N, C-alpha and C. Protein backbone atom coordinates (compact mmCIF):
# COMPACT_ATOMS: atom_id res chain seq x y z
N MET A 1 97.65 102.35 132.19
CA MET A 1 97.14 103.53 131.51
C MET A 1 96.46 103.08 130.22
N LYS A 2 95.34 103.70 129.94
CA LYS A 2 94.58 103.40 128.73
C LYS A 2 95.32 103.93 127.49
N GLN A 3 95.37 103.10 126.46
CA GLN A 3 96.01 103.50 125.20
C GLN A 3 95.13 104.52 124.48
N PRO A 4 95.75 105.49 123.80
CA PRO A 4 94.95 106.45 123.03
C PRO A 4 94.29 105.79 121.83
N PHE A 5 93.26 106.40 121.36
CA PHE A 5 92.56 106.01 120.14
C PHE A 5 93.48 106.40 118.99
N ARG A 6 93.96 105.41 118.24
CA ARG A 6 94.95 105.67 117.18
C ARG A 6 94.27 105.92 115.84
N VAL A 7 94.64 107.05 115.26
CA VAL A 7 94.10 107.44 113.96
C VAL A 7 95.24 107.43 112.94
N ALA A 8 95.17 106.52 111.98
CA ALA A 8 96.15 106.45 110.90
C ALA A 8 95.73 107.41 109.79
N ILE A 9 96.68 108.17 109.29
CA ILE A 9 96.41 109.11 108.21
C ILE A 9 97.31 108.74 107.04
N LEU A 10 96.69 108.26 105.96
CA LEU A 10 97.41 107.75 104.80
C LEU A 10 97.09 108.57 103.56
N GLY A 11 97.88 108.37 102.53
CA GLY A 11 97.65 109.04 101.25
C GLY A 11 98.95 109.23 100.51
N SER A 12 98.84 109.61 99.27
CA SER A 12 100.03 109.85 98.45
C SER A 12 100.72 111.13 98.89
N ALA A 13 101.88 111.39 98.31
CA ALA A 13 102.62 112.62 98.61
C ALA A 13 101.77 113.84 98.25
N SER A 14 101.88 114.85 99.06
CA SER A 14 101.20 116.13 98.85
C SER A 14 99.68 116.00 98.88
N SER A 15 99.19 115.04 99.67
CA SER A 15 97.74 114.89 99.82
C SER A 15 97.23 115.52 101.12
N GLY A 16 98.12 116.14 101.89
CA GLY A 16 97.70 116.85 103.09
C GLY A 16 97.74 116.06 104.38
N LYS A 17 98.44 114.93 104.40
CA LYS A 17 98.51 114.10 105.61
C LYS A 17 99.10 114.86 106.80
N THR A 18 100.24 115.48 106.58
CA THR A 18 100.93 116.16 107.68
C THR A 18 100.12 117.34 108.18
N THR A 19 99.58 118.13 107.27
CA THR A 19 98.76 119.28 107.64
C THR A 19 97.55 118.83 108.45
N LEU A 20 96.91 117.74 108.01
CA LEU A 20 95.73 117.24 108.72
C LEU A 20 96.11 116.71 110.09
N ALA A 21 97.19 115.94 110.18
CA ALA A 21 97.61 115.38 111.47
C ALA A 21 97.90 116.48 112.48
N ALA A 22 98.64 117.50 112.05
CA ALA A 22 98.98 118.61 112.95
C ALA A 22 97.73 119.37 113.38
N ALA A 23 96.82 119.61 112.43
CA ALA A 23 95.59 120.35 112.75
C ALA A 23 94.69 119.56 113.69
N LEU A 24 94.61 118.26 113.49
CA LEU A 24 93.80 117.42 114.39
C LEU A 24 94.40 117.38 115.78
N ALA A 25 95.71 117.28 115.87
CA ALA A 25 96.36 117.27 117.19
C ALA A 25 96.08 118.57 117.92
N GLU A 26 96.14 119.68 117.20
CA GLU A 26 95.87 120.97 117.83
C GLU A 26 94.41 121.05 118.26
N LYS A 27 93.51 120.64 117.38
CA LYS A 27 92.08 120.71 117.67
C LYS A 27 91.69 119.89 118.90
N TYR A 28 92.29 118.70 119.03
CA TYR A 28 91.92 117.79 120.11
C TYR A 28 92.90 117.83 121.29
N GLY A 29 93.88 118.70 121.25
CA GLY A 29 94.87 118.76 122.32
C GLY A 29 95.58 117.42 122.48
N ALA A 30 95.92 116.82 121.35
CA ALA A 30 96.49 115.48 121.35
C ALA A 30 97.88 115.49 120.74
N LEU A 31 98.53 114.35 120.79
CA LEU A 31 99.83 114.19 120.16
C LEU A 31 99.67 113.70 118.73
N TRP A 32 100.65 114.01 117.91
CA TRP A 32 100.70 113.43 116.56
C TRP A 32 102.12 113.00 116.29
N VAL A 33 102.25 111.99 115.44
CA VAL A 33 103.56 111.44 115.10
C VAL A 33 103.87 111.82 113.66
N PRO A 34 104.86 112.69 113.47
CA PRO A 34 105.23 113.07 112.10
C PRO A 34 105.80 111.88 111.32
N GLU A 35 105.76 112.01 110.02
CA GLU A 35 106.28 110.97 109.14
C GLU A 35 107.81 110.94 109.23
N TYR A 36 108.37 109.82 109.65
CA TYR A 36 109.82 109.69 109.79
C TYR A 36 110.54 109.79 108.45
N LEU A 37 109.91 109.36 107.38
CA LEU A 37 110.55 109.39 106.07
C LEU A 37 111.11 110.79 105.75
N ARG A 38 110.37 111.81 106.09
CA ARG A 38 110.83 113.20 105.84
C ARG A 38 112.15 113.45 106.55
N GLU A 39 112.24 113.08 107.80
CA GLU A 39 113.49 113.26 108.56
C GLU A 39 114.61 112.42 107.94
N PHE A 40 114.30 111.21 107.56
CA PHE A 40 115.28 110.32 106.94
C PHE A 40 115.89 110.99 105.71
N VAL A 41 115.05 111.49 104.83
CA VAL A 41 115.52 112.13 103.59
C VAL A 41 116.31 113.39 103.91
N ASP A 42 115.83 114.20 104.85
CA ASP A 42 116.52 115.44 105.21
C ASP A 42 117.90 115.17 105.80
N THR A 43 118.00 114.22 106.71
CA THR A 43 119.28 113.98 107.38
C THR A 43 120.27 113.25 106.50
N ARG A 44 119.79 112.38 105.63
CA ARG A 44 120.71 111.60 104.77
C ARG A 44 120.90 112.22 103.39
N GLN A 45 120.07 113.20 103.09
CA GLN A 45 120.14 113.90 101.80
C GLN A 45 120.06 112.94 100.61
N ARG A 46 119.16 111.97 100.74
CA ARG A 46 118.92 111.03 99.65
C ARG A 46 117.58 110.36 99.87
N VAL A 47 117.05 109.81 98.81
CA VAL A 47 115.82 109.03 98.93
C VAL A 47 116.19 107.63 99.40
N PRO A 48 115.26 106.92 100.03
CA PRO A 48 115.59 105.59 100.53
C PRO A 48 115.77 104.56 99.41
N VAL A 49 116.52 103.54 99.74
CA VAL A 49 116.67 102.37 98.88
C VAL A 49 115.89 101.23 99.52
N ALA A 50 115.78 100.13 98.84
CA ALA A 50 114.96 99.00 99.32
C ALA A 50 115.34 98.57 100.74
N THR A 51 116.63 98.50 101.02
CA THR A 51 117.05 98.03 102.34
C THR A 51 116.75 99.02 103.46
N ASP A 52 116.41 100.26 103.12
CA ASP A 52 116.03 101.26 104.13
C ASP A 52 114.58 101.12 104.58
N GLN A 53 113.76 100.46 103.81
CA GLN A 53 112.33 100.45 104.06
C GLN A 53 111.96 99.91 105.45
N ILE A 54 112.55 98.81 105.86
CA ILE A 54 112.20 98.24 107.17
C ILE A 54 112.66 99.17 108.29
N HIS A 55 113.81 99.80 108.14
CA HIS A 55 114.29 100.77 109.14
C HIS A 55 113.31 101.94 109.26
N ILE A 56 112.86 102.44 108.13
CA ILE A 56 111.91 103.56 108.14
C ILE A 56 110.62 103.16 108.84
N ALA A 57 110.09 102.00 108.51
CA ALA A 57 108.84 101.54 109.13
C ALA A 57 109.02 101.27 110.62
N ARG A 58 110.12 100.65 111.00
CA ARG A 58 110.37 100.37 112.43
C ARG A 58 110.51 101.66 113.23
N THR A 59 111.20 102.64 112.66
CA THR A 59 111.38 103.91 113.37
C THR A 59 110.04 104.62 113.53
N GLN A 60 109.22 104.59 112.48
CA GLN A 60 107.89 105.20 112.55
C GLN A 60 107.08 104.56 113.67
N VAL A 61 107.10 103.24 113.74
CA VAL A 61 106.35 102.50 114.75
C VAL A 61 106.90 102.78 116.16
N ALA A 62 108.21 102.83 116.31
CA ALA A 62 108.80 103.11 117.62
C ALA A 62 108.39 104.50 118.11
N ARG A 63 108.38 105.46 117.22
CA ARG A 63 107.97 106.81 117.61
C ARG A 63 106.48 106.86 117.94
N GLU A 64 105.71 106.13 117.20
CA GLU A 64 104.27 106.05 117.48
C GLU A 64 104.03 105.43 118.86
N ASP A 65 104.71 104.33 119.15
CA ASP A 65 104.54 103.68 120.45
C ASP A 65 105.01 104.56 121.60
N ALA A 66 106.10 105.30 121.39
CA ALA A 66 106.57 106.23 122.43
C ALA A 66 105.54 107.32 122.69
N ALA A 67 104.93 107.84 121.64
CA ALA A 67 103.89 108.86 121.80
C ALA A 67 102.66 108.27 122.48
N ALA A 68 102.29 107.05 122.11
CA ALA A 68 101.12 106.41 122.72
C ALA A 68 101.33 106.19 124.22
N ALA A 69 102.56 105.93 124.61
CA ALA A 69 102.87 105.70 126.03
C ALA A 69 102.64 106.96 126.87
N GLN A 70 102.58 108.11 126.23
CA GLN A 70 102.32 109.35 126.95
C GLN A 70 100.84 109.54 127.27
N GLY A 71 100.01 108.66 126.71
CA GLY A 71 98.59 108.70 127.00
C GLY A 71 97.85 109.73 126.17
N GLY A 72 96.70 110.09 126.64
CA GLY A 72 95.84 111.01 125.91
C GLY A 72 94.70 110.26 125.26
N ARG A 73 93.72 111.03 124.81
CA ARG A 73 92.54 110.41 124.21
C ARG A 73 92.81 109.93 122.78
N PHE A 74 93.51 110.77 121.99
CA PHE A 74 93.79 110.45 120.59
C PHE A 74 95.29 110.48 120.31
N LEU A 75 95.70 109.73 119.30
CA LEU A 75 97.04 109.80 118.75
C LEU A 75 96.88 109.80 117.23
N PHE A 76 97.35 110.87 116.59
CA PHE A 76 97.24 111.01 115.14
C PHE A 76 98.57 110.62 114.51
N CYS A 77 98.52 109.64 113.63
CA CYS A 77 99.72 109.05 113.03
C CYS A 77 99.83 109.44 111.56
N ASP A 78 100.80 110.31 111.27
CA ASP A 78 101.05 110.77 109.91
C ASP A 78 101.81 109.66 109.18
N THR A 79 101.09 108.69 108.71
CA THR A 79 101.50 107.51 107.95
C THR A 79 101.69 106.31 108.88
N THR A 80 101.76 105.15 108.27
CA THR A 80 101.94 103.88 108.98
C THR A 80 102.78 102.96 108.10
N PRO A 81 103.17 101.79 108.60
CA PRO A 81 103.91 100.85 107.76
C PRO A 81 103.17 100.43 106.49
N VAL A 82 101.87 100.58 106.45
CA VAL A 82 101.14 100.26 105.21
C VAL A 82 101.60 101.18 104.07
N MET A 83 101.83 102.46 104.35
CA MET A 83 102.31 103.36 103.30
C MET A 83 103.73 102.98 102.88
N THR A 84 104.55 102.58 103.83
CA THR A 84 105.90 102.13 103.48
C THR A 84 105.81 100.91 102.58
N ALA A 85 104.87 100.02 102.87
CA ALA A 85 104.66 98.84 102.02
C ALA A 85 104.20 99.25 100.62
N VAL A 86 103.31 100.22 100.54
CA VAL A 86 102.83 100.70 99.23
C VAL A 86 104.00 101.24 98.41
N TYR A 87 104.83 102.06 99.04
CA TYR A 87 105.97 102.63 98.31
C TYR A 87 107.00 101.55 97.98
N SER A 88 107.17 100.57 98.84
CA SER A 88 108.07 99.45 98.54
C SER A 88 107.59 98.71 97.30
N ARG A 89 106.32 98.48 97.26
CA ARG A 89 105.74 97.80 96.10
C ARG A 89 105.99 98.60 94.83
N HIS A 90 105.76 99.91 94.90
CA HIS A 90 105.91 100.74 93.71
C HIS A 90 107.38 100.87 93.28
N TYR A 91 108.25 101.26 94.21
CA TYR A 91 109.62 101.57 93.85
C TYR A 91 110.54 100.36 93.77
N PHE A 92 110.24 99.32 94.54
CA PHE A 92 111.17 98.20 94.64
C PHE A 92 110.57 96.86 94.21
N GLY A 93 109.35 96.91 93.67
CA GLY A 93 108.75 95.72 93.08
C GLY A 93 108.15 94.74 94.05
N GLY A 94 108.04 95.09 95.31
CA GLY A 94 107.41 94.18 96.27
C GLY A 94 107.62 94.62 97.70
N ILE A 95 107.05 93.85 98.59
CA ILE A 95 107.11 94.13 100.04
C ILE A 95 107.86 92.96 100.67
N ASP A 96 109.00 93.24 101.32
CA ASP A 96 109.74 92.12 101.90
C ASP A 96 108.98 91.56 103.11
N ALA A 97 109.33 90.35 103.49
CA ALA A 97 108.58 89.62 104.52
C ALA A 97 108.56 90.35 105.86
N GLU A 98 109.67 90.97 106.21
CA GLU A 98 109.74 91.66 107.49
C GLU A 98 108.82 92.88 107.51
N LEU A 99 108.82 93.64 106.44
CA LEU A 99 107.93 94.80 106.35
C LEU A 99 106.48 94.34 106.29
N GLU A 100 106.20 93.29 105.56
CA GLU A 100 104.84 92.75 105.50
C GLU A 100 104.34 92.38 106.88
N ALA A 101 105.18 91.69 107.66
CA ALA A 101 104.79 91.28 109.01
C ALA A 101 104.56 92.49 109.91
N LEU A 102 105.42 93.49 109.81
CA LEU A 102 105.26 94.69 110.63
C LEU A 102 103.97 95.42 110.26
N ALA A 103 103.72 95.59 108.98
CA ALA A 103 102.49 96.27 108.54
C ALA A 103 101.26 95.50 109.00
N ALA A 104 101.31 94.18 108.94
CA ALA A 104 100.16 93.36 109.36
C ALA A 104 99.93 93.41 110.86
N SER A 105 100.97 93.68 111.62
CA SER A 105 100.85 93.66 113.08
C SER A 105 100.30 94.96 113.67
N ARG A 106 100.28 96.02 112.89
CA ARG A 106 99.86 97.32 113.40
C ARG A 106 98.37 97.52 113.21
N LEU A 107 97.69 97.81 114.30
CA LEU A 107 96.25 98.03 114.26
C LEU A 107 95.92 99.46 114.66
N TYR A 108 95.00 100.05 113.93
CA TYR A 108 94.58 101.42 114.19
C TYR A 108 93.08 101.43 114.38
N ASP A 109 92.60 102.34 115.22
CA ASP A 109 91.17 102.40 115.50
C ASP A 109 90.40 102.98 114.33
N VAL A 110 91.01 103.92 113.62
CA VAL A 110 90.42 104.54 112.44
C VAL A 110 91.54 104.76 111.44
N THR A 111 91.24 104.53 110.17
CA THR A 111 92.19 104.83 109.10
C THR A 111 91.55 105.83 108.17
N LEU A 112 92.25 106.95 107.98
CA LEU A 112 91.81 108.00 107.08
C LEU A 112 92.71 107.96 105.84
N VAL A 113 92.13 108.18 104.68
CA VAL A 113 92.90 108.27 103.45
C VAL A 113 92.64 109.65 102.86
N CYS A 114 93.69 110.45 102.77
CA CYS A 114 93.57 111.80 102.23
C CYS A 114 93.53 111.76 100.71
N ALA A 115 92.50 112.35 100.15
CA ALA A 115 92.38 112.44 98.70
C ALA A 115 93.43 113.43 98.18
N PRO A 116 93.96 113.17 96.99
CA PRO A 116 94.93 114.09 96.41
C PRO A 116 94.24 115.24 95.67
N ASP A 117 93.32 115.91 96.38
CA ASP A 117 92.52 116.96 95.74
C ASP A 117 92.86 118.36 96.22
N ILE A 118 94.06 118.50 96.77
CA ILE A 118 94.54 119.82 97.15
C ILE A 118 95.72 120.13 96.24
N PRO A 119 96.10 121.40 96.12
CA PRO A 119 97.20 121.73 95.20
C PRO A 119 98.48 120.96 95.55
N TRP A 120 99.06 120.35 94.52
CA TRP A 120 100.30 119.60 94.67
C TRP A 120 101.45 120.58 94.80
N MET A 121 102.34 120.34 95.74
CA MET A 121 103.48 121.21 95.97
C MET A 121 104.76 120.38 95.89
N PRO A 122 105.70 120.76 95.03
CA PRO A 122 106.99 120.05 95.00
C PRO A 122 107.73 120.29 96.31
N ASP A 123 108.51 119.33 96.74
CA ASP A 123 109.20 119.45 98.02
C ASP A 123 110.54 118.73 97.96
N GLY A 124 111.39 119.14 97.05
CA GLY A 124 112.73 118.58 96.96
C GLY A 124 112.70 117.07 96.79
N LEU A 125 113.53 116.40 97.56
CA LEU A 125 113.64 114.94 97.49
C LEU A 125 112.44 114.22 98.08
N HIS A 126 111.59 114.94 98.82
CA HIS A 126 110.48 114.30 99.54
C HIS A 126 109.34 113.84 98.65
N ARG A 127 109.14 114.48 97.54
CA ARG A 127 107.94 114.23 96.78
C ARG A 127 108.23 113.64 95.42
N GLU A 128 107.51 112.58 95.11
CA GLU A 128 107.61 112.04 93.76
C GLU A 128 106.84 112.94 92.80
N ASN A 129 106.94 112.64 91.56
CA ASN A 129 106.25 113.38 90.52
C ASN A 129 104.74 113.38 90.78
N GLN A 130 104.11 114.50 90.51
CA GLN A 130 102.67 114.64 90.73
C GLN A 130 101.88 113.56 90.00
N ASP A 131 102.36 113.14 88.86
CA ASP A 131 101.65 112.14 88.06
C ASP A 131 101.58 110.77 88.75
N LEU A 132 102.44 110.52 89.72
CA LEU A 132 102.43 109.23 90.43
C LEU A 132 101.32 109.14 91.47
N SER A 133 100.70 110.24 91.80
CA SER A 133 99.68 110.26 92.84
C SER A 133 98.58 109.23 92.59
N GLY A 134 98.08 109.17 91.36
CA GLY A 134 97.03 108.20 91.04
C GLY A 134 97.49 106.77 91.18
N ILE A 135 98.72 106.50 90.76
CA ILE A 135 99.28 105.15 90.88
C ILE A 135 99.40 104.76 92.35
N ILE A 136 99.97 105.65 93.16
CA ILE A 136 100.15 105.36 94.59
C ILE A 136 98.80 105.18 95.25
N ASN A 137 97.82 106.02 94.92
CA ASN A 137 96.49 105.86 95.51
C ASN A 137 95.84 104.54 95.10
N GLY A 138 96.09 104.11 93.87
CA GLY A 138 95.59 102.80 93.44
C GLY A 138 96.21 101.68 94.24
N TYR A 139 97.52 101.72 94.42
CA TYR A 139 98.20 100.71 95.24
C TYR A 139 97.69 100.74 96.68
N LEU A 140 97.49 101.95 97.20
CA LEU A 140 96.99 102.08 98.57
C LEU A 140 95.61 101.45 98.69
N SER A 141 94.73 101.71 97.75
CA SER A 141 93.38 101.10 97.79
C SER A 141 93.48 99.58 97.75
N GLU A 142 94.37 99.06 96.91
CA GLU A 142 94.55 97.61 96.83
C GLU A 142 95.08 97.04 98.14
N GLU A 143 96.05 97.72 98.75
CA GLU A 143 96.61 97.25 100.03
C GLU A 143 95.55 97.26 101.13
N LEU A 144 94.77 98.32 101.20
CA LEU A 144 93.73 98.40 102.23
C LEU A 144 92.70 97.29 102.03
N ALA A 145 92.34 97.02 100.80
CA ALA A 145 91.38 95.94 100.51
C ALA A 145 91.99 94.59 100.84
N ARG A 146 93.24 94.37 100.43
CA ARG A 146 93.91 93.09 100.69
C ARG A 146 94.03 92.81 102.19
N ARG A 147 94.24 93.85 102.95
CA ARG A 147 94.40 93.71 104.40
C ARG A 147 93.07 93.85 105.14
N ALA A 148 91.99 94.07 104.41
CA ALA A 148 90.65 94.25 104.99
C ALA A 148 90.64 95.36 106.04
N ILE A 149 91.28 96.48 105.70
CA ILE A 149 91.33 97.62 106.61
C ILE A 149 90.23 98.60 106.22
N PRO A 150 89.24 98.76 107.07
CA PRO A 150 88.21 99.76 106.77
C PRO A 150 88.83 101.15 106.84
N HIS A 151 88.35 102.04 106.00
CA HIS A 151 88.92 103.38 105.96
C HIS A 151 87.88 104.38 105.48
N THR A 152 88.19 105.64 105.76
CA THR A 152 87.33 106.73 105.33
C THR A 152 88.17 107.68 104.48
N ARG A 153 87.66 108.01 103.31
CA ARG A 153 88.35 108.97 102.44
C ARG A 153 87.99 110.38 102.89
N ILE A 154 89.01 111.19 103.05
CA ILE A 154 88.86 112.57 103.49
C ILE A 154 89.23 113.47 102.31
N HIS A 155 88.44 114.48 102.04
CA HIS A 155 88.67 115.30 100.86
C HIS A 155 88.35 116.76 101.13
N GLY A 156 88.77 117.58 100.19
CA GLY A 156 88.48 119.01 100.26
C GLY A 156 89.56 119.79 100.99
N PRO A 157 89.33 121.10 101.13
CA PRO A 157 90.29 121.93 101.86
C PRO A 157 90.33 121.54 103.35
N LEU A 158 91.32 122.04 104.05
CA LEU A 158 91.55 121.64 105.44
C LEU A 158 90.31 121.78 106.32
N GLY A 159 89.60 122.87 106.21
CA GLY A 159 88.40 123.05 107.04
C GLY A 159 87.38 121.95 106.84
N GLU A 160 87.16 121.58 105.59
CA GLU A 160 86.22 120.49 105.29
C GLU A 160 86.76 119.16 105.81
N ARG A 161 88.05 118.96 105.67
CA ARG A 161 88.65 117.71 106.17
C ARG A 161 88.48 117.60 107.68
N LEU A 162 88.71 118.70 108.37
CA LEU A 162 88.54 118.69 109.83
C LEU A 162 87.10 118.37 110.22
N GLN A 163 86.15 118.93 109.50
CA GLN A 163 84.73 118.65 109.78
C GLN A 163 84.42 117.17 109.54
N GLN A 164 84.95 116.60 108.47
CA GLN A 164 84.71 115.19 108.18
C GLN A 164 85.26 114.30 109.29
N VAL A 165 86.47 114.61 109.74
CA VAL A 165 87.08 113.80 110.80
C VAL A 165 86.35 114.02 112.12
N GLN A 166 85.97 115.25 112.40
CA GLN A 166 85.23 115.53 113.64
C GLN A 166 83.93 114.74 113.67
N ALA A 167 83.24 114.67 112.56
CA ALA A 167 81.99 113.89 112.51
C ALA A 167 82.28 112.41 112.76
N LEU A 168 83.37 111.93 112.23
CA LEU A 168 83.75 110.53 112.41
C LEU A 168 84.17 110.26 113.87
N LEU A 169 85.01 111.14 114.42
CA LEU A 169 85.49 110.93 115.78
C LEU A 169 84.44 111.27 116.83
N GLY A 170 83.44 112.03 116.46
CA GLY A 170 82.35 112.34 117.38
C GLY A 170 81.56 111.10 117.75
N GLN A 171 81.68 110.07 116.93
CA GLN A 171 81.00 108.80 117.19
C GLN A 171 81.80 107.91 118.14
N VAL A 172 83.01 108.35 118.50
CA VAL A 172 83.90 107.55 119.35
C VAL A 172 83.59 107.80 120.80
């Protein structure tokens, strides 16, 4: 069976990743993989510590691979191990070797980066302070450059974001 075209959706907290992934899946009749970190925080009622990072990334990847095995033309991934690496760098001072290897091993056909230009919404334990958005986006830009990952910045309200992605995926 042919693997789906994998679309990675990255960005800081409250940048619209989940909303965009769900809307794209609906628009294209495709599957999307929600961000496991949200479930982790909800079920454990705490934010992750450094030793949780590899578990979070591995679980995200396992769920992505399970969804990809179901086939379809597209698979929309609400985050990837690269975002886990970015947050590891910010909160824990670096990226451990195992997480680095996992992030380096994952390839996506298209990488989208959601601009933090929509209203920021607090979300309990899930969201860091709004002021960290610029810092996280800076780290994300550095990680994408370091890994030579081409990407497209998506901005504006949801309708505009969908149009931008449709124009990009229309070339596929």
